[in-house]
Amino acid sequence: LIPVLARTMSARAVIVHQPLSTSQYQKIFASSKGRRFKWAVSLIWLLAALLLIGGGLLEAELNPEGGPGLFYTFAALTAAEFCASILSGAYARRQLGGMNGDIAGFALVWSELAAVISLAVI
């Protein structure tokens, strides 16, 4: 689920944030179809995050001697990925003055890296 979370965060960032003046996204997402797509991507991210954390809760419930370790792992992974995506995207948007696909890719790489590092540390 790491790629699902990272990609939906990047897609949501492209849709939600003000695009660069030279970006082709501006016309696409100004329509009502773009607004529906924004909600759909947000719901997909929320569902993936809930599945990830819910899977950890379920595993902790089914395997009581293992403790809640998997739940904490999944929660930390989700939090790390979310924070890295938000912070790296905000930094890049501030540097360039808007949103585009390159910034989405930048945030995607940082969020996946944060998730992998959080798995390695935990």
PDB file of N, CA and C in Angstrom:
ATOM      1  N   LEU A   1       0.803  -1.212   0.000  1.00  0.00           N
ATOM      2  CA  LEU A   1       0.000   0.000   0.000  1.00  0.00           C
ATOM      3  C   LEU A   1       0.841   1.269   0.000  1.00  0.00           C
ATOM      4  N   ILE A   2       2.153   1.143   0.164  1.00  0.00           N
ATOM      5  CA  ILE A   2       3.006   2.328   0.139  1.00  0.00           C
ATOM      6  C   ILE A   2       2.846   3.092  -1.176  1.00  0.00           C
ATOM      7  N   PRO A   3       2.912   2.424  -2.339  1.00  0.00           N
ATOM      8  CA  PRO A   3       2.736   3.181  -3.585  1.00  0.00           C
ATOM      9  C   PRO A   3       1.346   3.792  -3.732  1.00  0.00           C
ATOM     10  N   VAL A   4       0.321   3.131  -3.220  1.00  0.00           N
ATOM     11  CA  VAL A   4      -1.039   3.681  -3.324  1.00  0.00           C
ATOM     12  C   VAL A   4      -1.138   4.983  -2.551  1.00  0.00           C
ATOM     13  N   LEU A   5      -0.625   4.993  -1.323  1.00  0.00           N
ATOM     14  CA  LEU A   5      -0.675   6.208  -0.517  1.00  0.00           C
ATOM     15  C   LEU A   5       0.123   7.337  -1.169  1.00  0.00           C
ATOM     16  N   ALA A   6       1.328   7.024  -1.634  1.00  0.00           N
ATOM     17  CA  ALA A   6       2.179   8.057  -2.226  1.00  0.00           C
ATOM     18  C   ALA A   6       1.570   8.634  -3.497  1.00  0.00           C
ATOM     19  N   ARG A   7       1.043   7.784  -4.337  1.00  0.00           N
ATOM     20  CA  ARG A   7       0.506   8.268  -5.610  1.00  0.00           C
ATOM     21  C   ARG A   7      -0.803   9.030  -5.453  1.00  0.00           C
ATOM     22  N   THR A   8      -1.625   8.608  -4.522  1.00  0.00           N
ATOM     23  CA  THR A   8      -2.861   9.375  -4.319  1.00  0.00           C
ATOM     24  C   THR A   8      -2.564  10.726  -3.672  1.00  0.00           C
ATOM     25  N   MET A   9      -1.549  10.794  -2.819  1.00  0.00           N
ATOM     26  CA  MET A   9      -1.165  12.096  -2.259  1.00  0.00           C
ATOM     27  C   MET A   9      -0.640  13.017  -3.360  1.00  0.00           C
ATOM     28  N   SER A  10       0.162  12.476  -4.272  1.00  0.00           N
ATOM     29  CA  SER A  10       0.688  13.288  -5.372  1.00  0.00           C
ATOM     30  C   SER A  10      -0.421  13.734  -6.314  1.00  0.00           C
ATOM     31  N   ALA A  11      -1.335  12.819  -6.622  1.00  0.00           N
ATOM     32  CA  ALA A  11      -2.455  13.183  -7.506  1.00  0.00           C
ATOM     33  C   ALA A  11      -3.331  14.240  -6.857  1.00  0.00           C
ATOM     34  N   ARG A  12      -3.582  14.095  -5.582  1.00  0.00           N
ATOM     35  CA  ARG A  12      -4.394  15.079  -4.870  1.00  0.00           C
ATOM     36  C   ARG A  12      -3.706  16.443  -4.857  1.00  0.00           C
ATOM     37  N   ALA A  13      -2.387  16.453  -4.680  1.00  0.00           N
ATOM     38  CA  ALA A  13      -1.648  17.721  -4.674  1.00  0.00           C
ATOM     39  C   ALA A  13      -1.759  18.431  -6.017  1.00  0.00           C
ATOM     40  N   VAL A  14      -1.688  17.676  -7.103  1.00  0.00           N
ATOM     41  CA  VAL A  14      -1.813  18.281  -8.432  1.00  0.00           C
ATOM     42  C   VAL A  14      -3.200  18.882  -8.619  1.00  0.00           C
ATOM     43  N   ILE A  15      -4.210  18.218  -8.089  1.00  0.00           N
ATOM     44  CA  ILE A  15      -5.582  18.668  -8.280  1.00  0.00           C
ATOM     45  C   ILE A  15      -5.928  19.844  -7.367  1.00  0.00           C
ATOM     46  N   VAL A  16      -5.470  19.808  -6.135  1.00  0.00           N
ATOM     47  CA  VAL A  16      -5.907  20.773  -5.128  1.00  0.00           C
ATOM     48  C   VAL A  16      -5.152  22.098  -5.202  1.00  0.00           C
ATOM     49  N   HIS A  17      -3.856  22.062  -5.410  1.00  0.00           N
ATOM     50  CA  HIS A  17      -3.041  23.268  -5.309  1.00  0.00           C
ATOM     51  C   HIS A  17      -3.029  24.064  -6.614  1.00  0.00           C
ATOM     52  N   GLN A  18      -2.809  25.354  -6.468  1.00  0.00           N
ATOM     53  CA  GLN A  18      -2.764  26.269  -7.613  1.00  0.00           C
ATOM     54  C   GLN A  18      -1.623  25.858  -8.548  1.00  0.00           C
ATOM     55  N   PRO A  19      -1.936  25.589  -9.820  1.00  0.00           N
ATOM     56  CA  PRO A  19      -0.880  25.179 -10.752  1.00  0.00           C
ATOM     57  C   PRO A  19       0.003  26.360 -11.165  1.00  0.00           C
ATOM     58  N   LEU A  20       1.172  26.039 -11.655  1.00  0.00           N
ATOM     59  CA  LEU A  20       2.034  27.063 -12.240  1.00  0.00           C
ATOM     60  C   LEU A  20       1.306  27.709 -13.407  1.00  0.00           C
ATOM     61  N   SER A  21       1.664  28.932 -13.710  1.00  0.00           N
ATOM     62  CA  SER A  21       0.981  29.631 -14.811  1.00  0.00           C
ATOM     63  C   SER A  21       1.202  28.923 -16.145  1.00  0.00           C
ATOM     64  N   THR A  22       2.307  28.210 -16.289  1.00  0.00           N
ATOM     65  CA  THR A  22       2.590  27.500 -17.536  1.00  0.00           C
ATOM     66  C   THR A  22       2.050  26.077 -17.554  1.00  0.00           C
ATOM     67  N   SER A  23       1.419  25.649 -16.471  1.00  0.00           N
ATOM     68  CA  SER A  23       0.941  24.274 -16.360  1.00  0.00           C
ATOM     69  C   SER A  23      -0.327  24.050 -17.175  1.00  0.00           C
ATOM     70  N   GLN A  24      -0.446  22.874 -17.740  1.00  0.00           N
ATOM     71  CA  GLN A  24      -1.633  22.517 -18.514  1.00  0.00           C
ATOM     72  C   GLN A  24      -2.751  21.991 -17.629  1.00  0.00           C
ATOM     73  N   TYR A  25      -2.478  21.795 -16.336  1.00  0.00           N
ATOM     74  CA  TYR A  25      -3.484  21.266 -15.422  1.00  0.00           C
ATOM     75  C   TYR A  25      -4.584  22.261 -15.116  1.00  0.00           C
ATOM     76  N   GLN A  26      -4.292  23.537 -15.276  1.00  0.00           N
ATOM     77  CA  GLN A  26      -5.229  24.567 -14.842  1.00  0.00           C
ATOM     78  C   GLN A  26      -6.600  24.420 -15.499  1.00  0.00           C
ATOM     79  N   LYS A  27      -6.629  24.183 -16.791  1.00  0.00           N
ATOM     80  CA  LYS A  27      -7.911  24.055 -17.500  1.00  0.00           C
ATOM     81  C   LYS A  27      -8.636  22.766 -17.142  1.00  0.00           C
ATOM     82  N   ILE A  28      -7.879  21.711 -16.936  1.00  0.00           N
ATOM     83  CA  ILE A  28      -8.476  20.396 -16.712  1.00  0.00           C
ATOM     84  C   ILE A  28      -9.256  20.344 -15.407  1.00  0.00           C
ATOM     85  N   PHE A  29      -8.662  20.842 -14.325  1.00  0.00           N
ATOM     86  CA  PHE A  29      -9.263  20.669 -13.012  1.00  0.00           C
ATOM     87  C   PHE A  29     -10.132  21.836 -12.571  1.00  0.00           C
ATOM     88  N   ALA A  30     -10.353  22.801 -13.434  1.00  0.00           N
ATOM     89  CA  ALA A  30     -11.249  23.905 -13.091  1.00  0.00           C
ATOM     90  C   ALA A  30     -12.712  23.494 -13.284  1.00  0.00           C
ATOM     91  N   SER A  31     -12.947  22.462 -14.051  1.00  0.00           N
ATOM     92  CA  SER A  31     -14.319  22.038 -14.334  1.00  0.00           C
ATOM     93  C   SER A  31     -14.912  21.267 -13.154  1.00  0.00           C
ATOM     94  N   SER A  32     -16.214  21.009 -13.241  1.00  0.00           N
ATOM     95  CA  SER A  32     -16.872  20.239 -12.188  1.00  0.00           C
ATOM     96  C   SER A  32     -16.380  18.794 -12.190  1.00  0.00           C
ATOM     97  N   LYS A  33     -15.989  18.283 -13.346  1.00  0.00           N
ATOM     98  CA  LYS A  33     -15.447  16.933 -13.427  1.00  0.00           C
ATOM     99  C   LYS A  33     -14.149  16.854 -12.620  1.00  0.00           C
ATOM    100  N   GLY A  34     -13.359  17.908 -12.654  1.00  0.00           N
ATOM    101  CA  GLY A  34     -12.129  17.952 -11.871  1.00  0.00           C
ATOM    102  C   GLY A  34     -12.404  17.939 -10.385  1.00  0.00           C
ATOM    103  N   ARG A  35     -13.464  18.607  -9.943  1.00  0.00           N
ATOM    104  CA  ARG A  35     -13.812  18.617  -8.521  1.00  0.00           C
ATOM    105  C   ARG A  35     -14.242  17.234  -8.055  1.00  0.00           C
ATOM    106  N   ARG A  36     -14.992  16.532  -8.883  1.00  0.00           N
ATOM    107  CA  ARG A  36     -15.383  15.158  -8.530  1.00  0.00           C
ATOM    108  C   ARG A  36     -14.158  14.258  -8.453  1.00  0.00           C
ATOM    109  N   PHE A  37     -13.236  14.460  -9.349  1.00  0.00           N
ATOM    110  CA  PHE A  37     -12.009  13.672  -9.359  1.00  0.00           C
ATOM    111  C   PHE A  37     -11.204  13.954  -8.087  1.00  0.00           C
ATOM    112  N   LYS A  38     -11.180  15.209  -7.646  1.00  0.00           N
ATOM    113  CA  LYS A  38     -10.464  15.573  -6.424  1.00  0.00           C
ATOM    114  C   LYS A  38     -11.025  14.810  -5.232  1.00  0.00           C
ATOM    115  N   TRP A  39     -12.337  14.738  -5.147  1.00  0.00           N
ATOM    116  CA  TRP A  39     -12.964  13.998  -4.046  1.00  0.00           C
ATOM    117  C   TRP A  39     -12.683  12.504  -4.160  1.00  0.00           C
ATOM    118  N   ALA A  40     -12.712  11.990  -5.376  1.00  0.00           N
ATOM    119  CA  ALA A  40     -12.449  10.562  -5.570  1.00  0.00           C
ATOM    120  C   ALA A  40     -11.029  10.202  -5.145  1.00  0.00           C
ATOM    121  N   VAL A  41     -10.054  11.009  -5.532  1.00  0.00           N
ATOM    122  CA  VAL A  41      -8.671  10.737  -5.153  1.00  0.00           C
ATOM    123  C   VAL A  41      -8.499  10.847  -3.644  1.00  0.00           C
ATOM    124  N   SER A  42      -9.129  11.824  -3.025  1.00  0.00           N
ATOM    125  CA  SER A  42      -9.053  11.977  -1.566  1.00  0.00           C
ATOM    126  C   SER A  42      -9.651  10.767  -0.860  1.00  0.00           C
ATOM    127  N   LEU A  43     -10.755  10.267  -1.376  1.00  0.00           N
ATOM    128  CA  LEU A  43     -11.382   9.094  -0.775  1.00  0.00           C
ATOM    129  C   LEU A  43     -10.527   7.842  -0.951  1.00  0.00           C
ATOM    130  N   ILE A  44      -9.869   7.716  -2.087  1.00  0.00           N
ATOM    131  CA  ILE A  44      -8.985   6.568  -2.308  1.00  0.00           C
ATOM    132  C   ILE A  44      -7.830   6.607  -1.309  1.00  0.00           C
ATOM    133  N   TRP A  45      -7.247   7.799  -1.093  1.00  0.00           N
ATOM    134  CA  TRP A  45      -6.164   7.903  -0.125  1.00  0.00           C
ATOM    135  C   TRP A  45      -6.655   7.545   1.270  1.00  0.00           C
ATOM    136  N   LEU A  46      -7.798   8.068   1.643  1.00  0.00           N
ATOM    137  CA  LEU A  46      -8.343   7.788   2.970  1.00  0.00           C
ATOM    138  C   LEU A  46      -8.626   6.298   3.141  1.00  0.00           C
ATOM    139  N   LEU A  47      -9.191   5.683   2.121  1.00  0.00           N
ATOM    140  CA  LEU A  47      -9.475   4.249   2.178  1.00  0.00           C
ATOM    141  C   LEU A  47      -8.190   3.439   2.315  1.00  0.00           C
ATOM    142  N   ALA A  48      -7.160   3.794   1.544  1.00  0.00           N
ATOM    143  CA  ALA A  48      -5.890   3.068   1.634  1.00  0.00           C
ATOM    144  C   ALA A  48      -5.264   3.227   3.017  1.00  0.00           C
ATOM    145  N   ALA A  49      -5.311   4.441   3.571  1.00  0.00           N
ATOM    146  CA  ALA A  49      -4.756   4.668   4.909  1.00  0.00           C
ATOM    147  C   ALA A  49      -5.535   3.885   5.960  1.00  0.00           C
ATOM    148  N   LEU A  50      -6.850   3.892   5.844  1.00  0.00           N
ATOM    149  CA  LEU A  50      -7.673   3.144   6.800  1.00  0.00           C
ATOM    150  C   LEU A  50      -7.445   1.641   6.677  1.00  0.00           C
ATOM    151  N   LEU A  51      -7.282   1.144   5.466  1.00  0.00           N
ATOM    152  CA  LEU A  51      -6.994  -0.280   5.279  1.00  0.00           C
ATOM    153  C   LEU A  51      -5.643  -0.655   5.891  1.00  0.00           C
ATOM    154  N   LEU A  52      -4.678   0.210   5.714  1.00  0.00           N
ATOM    155  CA  LEU A  52      -3.353  -0.060   6.255  1.00  0.00           C
ATOM    156  C   LEU A  52      -3.378  -0.086   7.777  1.00  0.00           C
ATOM    157  N   ILE A  53      -3.960   0.929   8.374  1.00  0.00           N
ATOM    158  CA  ILE A  53      -4.022   0.989   9.834  1.00  0.00           C
ATOM    159  C   ILE A  53      -4.992  -0.071  10.373  1.00  0.00           C
ATOM    160  N   GLY A  54      -6.120  -0.258   9.688  1.00  0.00           N
ATOM    161  CA  GLY A  54      -7.079  -1.287  10.101  1.00  0.00           C
ATOM    162  C   GLY A  54      -6.493  -2.681  10.025  1.00  0.00           C
ATOM    163  N   GLY A  55      -5.655  -2.931   9.029  1.00  0.00           N
ATOM    164  CA  GLY A  55      -4.982  -4.221   8.924  1.00  0.00           C
ATOM    165  C   GLY A  55      -4.064  -4.461  10.112  1.00  0.00           C
ATOM    166  N   GLY A  56      -3.393  -3.418  10.547  1.00  0.00           N
ATOM    167  CA  GLY A  56      -2.550  -3.539  11.738  1.00  0.00           C
ATOM    168  C   GLY A  56      -3.365  -3.809  12.985  1.00  0.00           C
ATOM    169  N   LEU A  57      -4.505  -3.138  13.112  1.00  0.00           N
ATOM    170  CA  LEU A  57      -5.388  -3.382  14.258  1.00  0.00           C
ATOM    171  C   LEU A  57      -5.920  -4.810  14.245  1.00  0.00           C
ATOM    172  N   LEU A  58      -6.339  -5.270  13.081  1.00  0.00           N
ATOM    173  CA  LEU A  58      -6.875  -6.625  12.956  1.00  0.00           C
ATOM    174  C   LEU A  58      -5.807  -7.664  13.295  1.00  0.00           C
ATOM    175  N   GLU A  59      -4.593  -7.445  12.814  1.00  0.00           N
ATOM    176  CA  GLU A  59      -3.516  -8.392  13.093  1.00  0.00           C
ATOM    177  C   GLU A  59      -3.197  -8.412  14.584  1.00  0.00           C
ATOM    178  N   ALA A  60      -3.214  -7.249  15.214  1.00  0.00           N
ATOM    179  CA  ALA A  60      -2.948  -7.183  16.662  1.00  0.00           C
ATOM    180  C   ALA A  60      -4.049  -7.904  17.438  1.00  0.00           C
ATOM    181  N   GLU A  61      -5.285  -7.823  16.957  1.00  0.00           N
ATOM    182  CA  GLU A  61      -6.409  -8.483  17.621  1.00  0.00           C
ATOM    183  C   GLU A  61      -6.347 -10.001  17.431  1.00  0.00           C
ATOM    184  N   LEU A  62      -5.980 -10.438  16.220  1.00  0.00           N
ATOM    185  CA  LEU A  62      -5.939 -11.869  15.924  1.00  0.00           C
ATOM    186  C   LEU A  62      -4.700 -12.552  16.494  1.00  0.00           C
ATOM    187  N   ASN A  63      -3.657 -11.793  16.738  1.00  0.00           N
ATOM    188  CA  ASN A  63      -2.409 -12.350  17.231  1.00  0.00           C
ATOM    189  C   ASN A  63      -2.007 -11.614  18.513  1.00  0.00           C
ATOM    190  N   PRO A  64      -2.700 -11.883  19.627  1.00  0.00           N
ATOM    191  CA  PRO A  64      -2.467 -11.106  20.843  1.00  0.00           C
ATOM    192  C   PRO A  64      -1.065 -11.261  21.425  1.00  0.00           C
ATOM    193  N   GLU A  65      -0.428 -12.420  21.223  1.00  0.00           N
ATOM    194  CA  GLU A  65       0.915 -12.572  21.779  1.00  0.00           C
ATOM    195  C   GLU A  65       1.938 -11.734  21.024  1.00  0.00           C
ATOM    196  N   GLY A  66       1.622 -11.358  19.789  1.00  0.00           N
ATOM    197  CA  GLY A  66       2.516 -10.494  19.022  1.00  0.00           C
ATOM    198  C   GLY A  66       2.405  -9.043  19.442  1.00  0.00           C
ATOM    199  N   GLY A  67       1.331  -8.707  20.119  1.00  0.00           N
ATOM    200  CA  GLY A  67       1.138  -7.332  20.571  1.00  0.00           C
ATOM    201  C   GLY A  67       0.689  -6.421  19.435  1.00  0.00           C
ATOM    202  N   PRO A  68       0.572  -5.162  19.728  1.00  0.00           N
ATOM    203  CA  PRO A  68       0.090  -4.213  18.722  1.00  0.00           C
ATOM    204  C   PRO A  68       1.197  -3.679  17.814  1.00  0.00           C
ATOM    205  N   GLY A  69       2.292  -4.412  17.682  1.00  0.00           N
ATOM    206  CA  GLY A  69       3.441  -3.930  16.909  1.00  0.00           C
ATOM    207  C   GLY A  69       3.120  -3.591  15.469  1.00  0.00           C
ATOM    208  N   LEU A  70       2.343  -4.444  14.817  1.00  0.00           N
ATOM    209  CA  LEU A  70       2.025  -4.199  13.413  1.00  0.00           C
ATOM    210  C   LEU A  70       1.152  -2.956  13.255  1.00  0.00           C
ATOM    211  N   PHE A  71       0.240  -2.738  14.186  1.00  0.00           N
ATOM    212  CA  PHE A  71      -0.582  -1.532  14.142  1.00  0.00           C
ATOM    213  C   PHE A  71       0.285  -0.289  14.217  1.00  0.00           C
ATOM    214  N   TYR A  72       1.237  -0.283  15.150  1.00  0.00           N
ATOM    215  CA  TYR A  72       2.116   0.880  15.295  1.00  0.00           C
ATOM    216  C   TYR A  72       3.010   1.059  14.076  1.00  0.00           C
ATOM    217  N   THR A  73       3.431  -0.046  13.507  1.00  0.00           N
ATOM    218  CA  THR A  73       4.236   0.025  12.283  1.00  0.00           C
ATOM    219  C   THR A  73       3.450   0.663  11.152  1.00  0.00           C
ATOM    220  N   PHE A  74       2.222   0.202  10.944  1.00  0.00           N
ATOM    221  CA  PHE A  74       1.401   0.754   9.870  1.00  0.00           C
ATOM    222  C   PHE A  74       1.029   2.207  10.136  1.00  0.00           C
ATOM    223  N   ALA A  75       0.747   2.543  11.385  1.00  0.00           N
ATOM    224  CA  ALA A  75       0.410   3.924  11.719  1.00  0.00           C
ATOM    225  C   ALA A  75       1.615   4.839  11.493  1.00  0.00           C
ATOM    226  N   ALA A  76       2.799   4.391  11.894  1.00  0.00           N
ATOM    227  CA  ALA A  76       4.009   5.190  11.688  1.00  0.00           C
ATOM    228  C   ALA A  76       4.317   5.343  10.206  1.00  0.00           C
ATOM    229  N   LEU A  77       4.144   4.269   9.446  1.00  0.00           N
ATOM    230  CA  LEU A  77       4.383   4.315   8.010  1.00  0.00           C
ATOM    231  C   LEU A  77       3.445   5.322   7.344  1.00  0.00           C
ATOM    232  N   THR A  78       2.171   5.276   7.688  1.00  0.00           N
ATOM    233  CA  THR A  78       1.186   6.191   7.110  1.00  0.00           C
ATOM    234  C   THR A  78       1.500   7.631   7.492  1.00  0.00           C
ATOM    235  N   ALA A  79       1.834   7.860   8.743  1.00  0.00           N
ATOM    236  CA  ALA A  79       2.151   9.219   9.198  1.00  0.00           C
ATOM    237  C   ALA A  79       3.412   9.751   8.520  1.00  0.00           C
ATOM    238  N   ALA A  80       4.442   8.911   8.419  1.00  0.00           N
ATOM    239  CA  ALA A  80       5.687   9.339   7.777  1.00  0.00           C
ATOM    240  C   ALA A  80       5.465   9.687   6.315  1.00  0.00           C
ATOM    241  N   GLU A  81       4.695   8.859   5.642  1.00  0.00           N
ATOM    242  CA  GLU A  81       4.437   9.094   4.221  1.00  0.00           C
ATOM    243  C   GLU A  81       3.612  10.361   4.016  1.00  0.00           C
ATOM    244  N   PHE A  82       2.611  10.549   4.837  1.00  0.00           N
ATOM    245  CA  PHE A  82       1.761  11.734   4.750  1.00  0.00           C
ATOM    246  C   PHE A  82       2.567  13.003   5.012  1.00  0.00           C
ATOM    247  N   CYS A  83       3.334  13.007   6.087  1.00  0.00           N
ATOM    248  CA  CYS A  83       4.122  14.202   6.443  1.00  0.00           C
ATOM    249  C   CYS A  83       5.177  14.518   5.384  1.00  0.00           C
ATOM    250  N   ALA A  84       5.866  13.505   4.899  1.00  0.00           N
ATOM    251  CA  ALA A  84       6.888  13.740   3.875  1.00  0.00           C
ATOM    252  C   ALA A  84       6.281  14.299   2.597  1.00  0.00           C
ATOM    253  N   SER A  85       5.123  13.789   2.214  1.00  0.00           N
ATOM    254  CA  SER A  85       4.460  14.279   1.010  1.00  0.00           C
ATOM    255  C   SER A  85       4.039  15.741   1.167  1.00  0.00           C
ATOM    256  N   ILE A  86       3.432  16.061   2.299  1.00  0.00           N
ATOM    257  CA  ILE A  86       2.971  17.429   2.544  1.00  0.00           C
ATOM    258  C   ILE A  86       4.153  18.393   2.606  1.00  0.00           C
ATOM    259  N   LEU A  87       5.181  18.041   3.386  1.00  0.00           N
ATOM    260  CA  LEU A  87       6.308  18.960   3.577  1.00  0.00           C
ATOM    261  C   LEU A  87       7.136  19.148   2.307  1.00  0.00           C
ATOM    262  N   SER A  88       7.435  18.067   1.598  1.00  0.00           N
ATOM    263  CA  SER A  88       8.237  18.193   0.381  1.00  0.00           C
ATOM    264  C   SER A  88       7.463  18.921  -0.712  1.00  0.00           C
ATOM    265  N   GLY A  89       6.162  18.644  -0.800  1.00  0.00           N
ATOM    266  CA  GLY A  89       5.352  19.350  -1.788  1.00  0.00           C
ATOM    267  C   GLY A  89       5.239  20.835  -1.490  1.00  0.00           C
ATOM    268  N   ALA A  90       5.062  21.178  -0.219  1.00  0.00           N
ATOM    269  CA  ALA A  90       4.974  22.590   0.164  1.00  0.00           C
ATOM    270  C   ALA A  90       6.293  23.302  -0.117  1.00  0.00           C
ATOM    271  N   TYR A  91       7.405  22.660   0.193  1.00  0.00           N
ATOM    272  CA  TYR A  91       8.714  23.254  -0.071  1.00  0.00           C
ATOM    273  C   TYR A  91       8.907  23.522  -1.563  1.00  0.00           C
ATOM    274  N   ALA A  92       8.625  22.526  -2.387  1.00  0.00           N
ATOM    275  CA  ALA A  92       8.825  22.671  -3.832  1.00  0.00           C
ATOM    276  C   ALA A  92       7.861  23.698  -4.437  1.00  0.00           C
ATOM    277  N   ARG A  93       6.613  23.711  -3.975  1.00  0.00           N
ATOM    278  CA  ARG A  93       5.658  24.705  -4.499  1.00  0.00           C
ATOM    279  C   ARG A  93       6.109  26.115  -4.154  1.00  0.00           C
ATOM    280  N   ARG A  94       6.633  26.295  -2.961  1.00  0.00           N
ATOM    281  CA  ARG A  94       7.108  27.616  -2.544  1.00  0.00           C
ATOM    282  C   ARG A  94       8.303  28.043  -3.402  1.00  0.00           C
ATOM    283  N   GLN A  95       9.173  27.100  -3.736  1.00  0.00           N
ATOM    284  CA  GLN A  95      10.352  27.422  -4.528  1.00  0.00           C
ATOM    285  C   GLN A  95       9.991  27.798  -5.968  1.00  0.00           C
ATOM    286  N   LEU A  96       8.998  27.116  -6.533  1.00  0.00           N
ATOM    287  CA  LEU A  96       8.650  27.335  -7.942  1.00  0.00           C
ATOM    288  C   LEU A  96       7.428  28.219  -8.150  1.00  0.00           C
ATOM    289  N   GLY A  97       6.657  28.447  -7.114  1.00  0.00           N
ATOM    290  CA  GLY A  97       5.514  29.346  -7.240  1.00  0.00           C
ATOM    291  C   GLY A  97       4.238  28.702  -7.742  1.00  0.00           C
ATOM    292  N   GLY A  98       4.099  27.421  -7.584  1.00  0.00           N
ATOM    293  CA  GLY A  98       2.878  26.736  -8.017  1.00  0.00           C
ATOM    294  C   GLY A  98       3.109  25.240  -8.087  1.00  0.00           C
ATOM    295  N   MET A  99       2.100  24.543  -8.576  1.00  0.00           N
ATOM    296  CA  MET A  99       2.123  23.080  -8.634  1.00  0.00           C
ATOM    297  C   MET A  99       2.253  22.609 -10.063  1.00  0.00           C
ATOM    298  N   ASN A 100       3.023  21.555 -10.273  1.00  0.00           N
ATOM    299  CA  ASN A 100       3.070  20.892 -11.574  1.00  0.00           C
ATOM    300  C   ASN A 100       3.426  19.422 -11.361  1.00  0.00           C
ATOM    301  N   GLY A 101       3.548  18.689 -12.435  1.00  0.00           N
ATOM    302  CA  GLY A 101       3.822  17.260 -12.352  1.00  0.00           C
ATOM    303  C   GLY A 101       5.191  16.938 -11.785  1.00  0.00           C
ATOM    304  N   ASP A 102       6.172  17.798 -12.029  1.00  0.00           N
ATOM    305  CA  ASP A 102       7.506  17.564 -11.477  1.00  0.00           C
ATOM    306  C   ASP A 102       7.494  17.649  -9.954  1.00  0.00           C
ATOM    307  N   ILE A 103       6.741  18.584  -9.423  1.00  0.00           N
ATOM    308  CA  ILE A 103       6.637  18.720  -7.972  1.00  0.00           C
ATOM    309  C   ILE A 103       5.896  17.506  -7.397  1.00  0.00           C
ATOM    310  N   ALA A 104       4.881  17.030  -8.102  1.00  0.00           N
ATOM    311  CA  ALA A 104       4.171  15.835  -7.650  1.00  0.00           C
ATOM    312  C   ALA A 104       5.121  14.642  -7.595  1.00  0.00           C
ATOM    313  N   GLY A 105       5.974  14.499  -8.593  1.00  0.00           N
ATOM    314  CA  GLY A 105       6.957  13.422  -8.595  1.00  0.00           C
ATOM    315  C   GLY A 105       7.977  13.570  -7.483  1.00  0.00           C
ATOM    316  N   PHE A 106       8.391  14.796  -7.215  1.00  0.00           N
ATOM    317  CA  PHE A 106       9.322  15.085  -6.125  1.00  0.00           C
ATOM    318  C   PHE A 106       8.707  14.661  -4.790  1.00  0.00           C
ATOM    319  N   ALA A 107       7.467  15.045  -4.553  1.00  0.00           N
ATOM    320  CA  ALA A 107       6.784  14.686  -3.310  1.00  0.00           C
ATOM    321  C   ALA A 107       6.561  13.174  -3.227  1.00  0.00           C
ATOM    322  N   LEU A 108       6.274  12.550  -4.353  1.00  0.00           N
ATOM    323  CA  LEU A 108       6.071  11.109  -4.395  1.00  0.00           C
ATOM    324  C   LEU A 108       7.328  10.361  -3.962  1.00  0.00           C
ATOM    325  N   VAL A 109       8.467  10.764  -4.488  1.00  0.00           N
ATOM    326  CA  VAL A 109       9.729  10.109  -4.146  1.00  0.00           C
ATOM    327  C   VAL A 109      10.041  10.287  -2.663  1.00  0.00           C
ATOM    328  N   TRP A 110       9.856  11.491  -2.146  1.00  0.00           N
ATOM    329  CA  TRP A 110      10.147  11.734  -0.737  1.00  0.00           C
ATOM    330  C   TRP A 110       9.190  10.976   0.180  1.00  0.00           C
ATOM    331  N   SER A 111       7.929  10.886  -0.210  1.00  0.00           N
ATOM    332  CA  SER A 111       6.981  10.170   0.653  1.00  0.00           C
ATOM    333  C   SER A 111       7.267   8.670   0.666  1.00  0.00           C
ATOM    334  N   GLU A 112       7.602   8.094  -0.483  1.00  0.00           N
ATOM    335  CA  GLU A 112       7.946   6.669  -0.508  1.00  0.00           C
ATOM    336  C   GLU A 112       9.240   6.409   0.238  1.00  0.00           C
ATOM    337  N   LEU A 113      10.197   7.315   0.126  1.00  0.00           N
ATOM    338  CA  LEU A 113      11.442   7.163   0.875  1.00  0.00           C
ATOM    339  C   LEU A 113      11.181   7.207   2.375  1.00  0.00           C
ATOM    340  N   ALA A 114      10.337   8.129   2.816  1.00  0.00           N
ATOM    341  CA  ALA A 114       9.998   8.221   4.246  1.00  0.00           C
ATOM    342  C   ALA A 114       9.325   6.948   4.733  1.00  0.00           C
ATOM    343  N   ALA A 115       8.460   6.372   3.908  1.00  0.00           N
ATOM    344  CA  ALA A 115       7.779   5.134   4.300  1.00  0.00           C
ATOM    345  C   ALA A 115       8.769   3.978   4.411  1.00  0.00           C
ATOM    346  N   VAL A 116       9.681   3.870   3.464  1.00  0.00           N
ATOM    347  CA  VAL A 116      10.668   2.791   3.501  1.00  0.00           C
ATOM    348  C   VAL A 116      11.613   2.971   4.694  1.00  0.00           C
ATOM    349  N   ILE A 117      12.012   4.198   4.971  1.00  0.00           N
ATOM    350  CA  ILE A 117      12.886   4.458   6.120  1.00  0.00           C
ATOM    351  C   ILE A 117      12.149   4.138   7.419  1.00  0.00           C
ATOM    352  N   SER A 118      10.870   4.505   7.496  1.00  0.00           N
ATOM    353  CA  SER A 118      10.129   4.204   8.717  1.00  0.00           C
ATOM    354  C   SER A 118       9.986   2.697   8.920  1.00  0.00           C
ATOM    355  N   LEU A 119       9.845   1.943   7.839  1.00  0.00           N
ATOM    356  CA  LEU A 119       9.808   0.479   7.956  1.00  0.00           C
ATOM    357  C   LEU A 119      11.153  -0.070   8.404  1.00  0.00           C
ATOM    358  N   ALA A 120      12.229   0.504   7.895  1.00  0.00           N
ATOM    359  CA  ALA A 120      13.571   0.037   8.261  1.00  0.00           C
ATOM    360  C   ALA A 120      13.881   0.350   9.721  1.00  0.00           C
ATOM    361  N   VAL A 121      13.434   1.509  10.191  1.00  0.00           N
ATOM    362  CA  VAL A 121      13.717   1.903  11.571  1.00  0.00           C
ATOM    363  C   VAL A 121      12.881   1.090  12.554  1.00  0.00           C
ATOM    364  N   ILE A 122      11.651   0.863  12.226  1.00  0.00           N
ATOM    365  CA  ILE A 122      10.757   0.121  13.111  1.00  0.00           C
ATOM    366  C   ILE A 122      11.024  -1.339  12.950  1.00  0.00           C
TER     367      ILE A 122
END
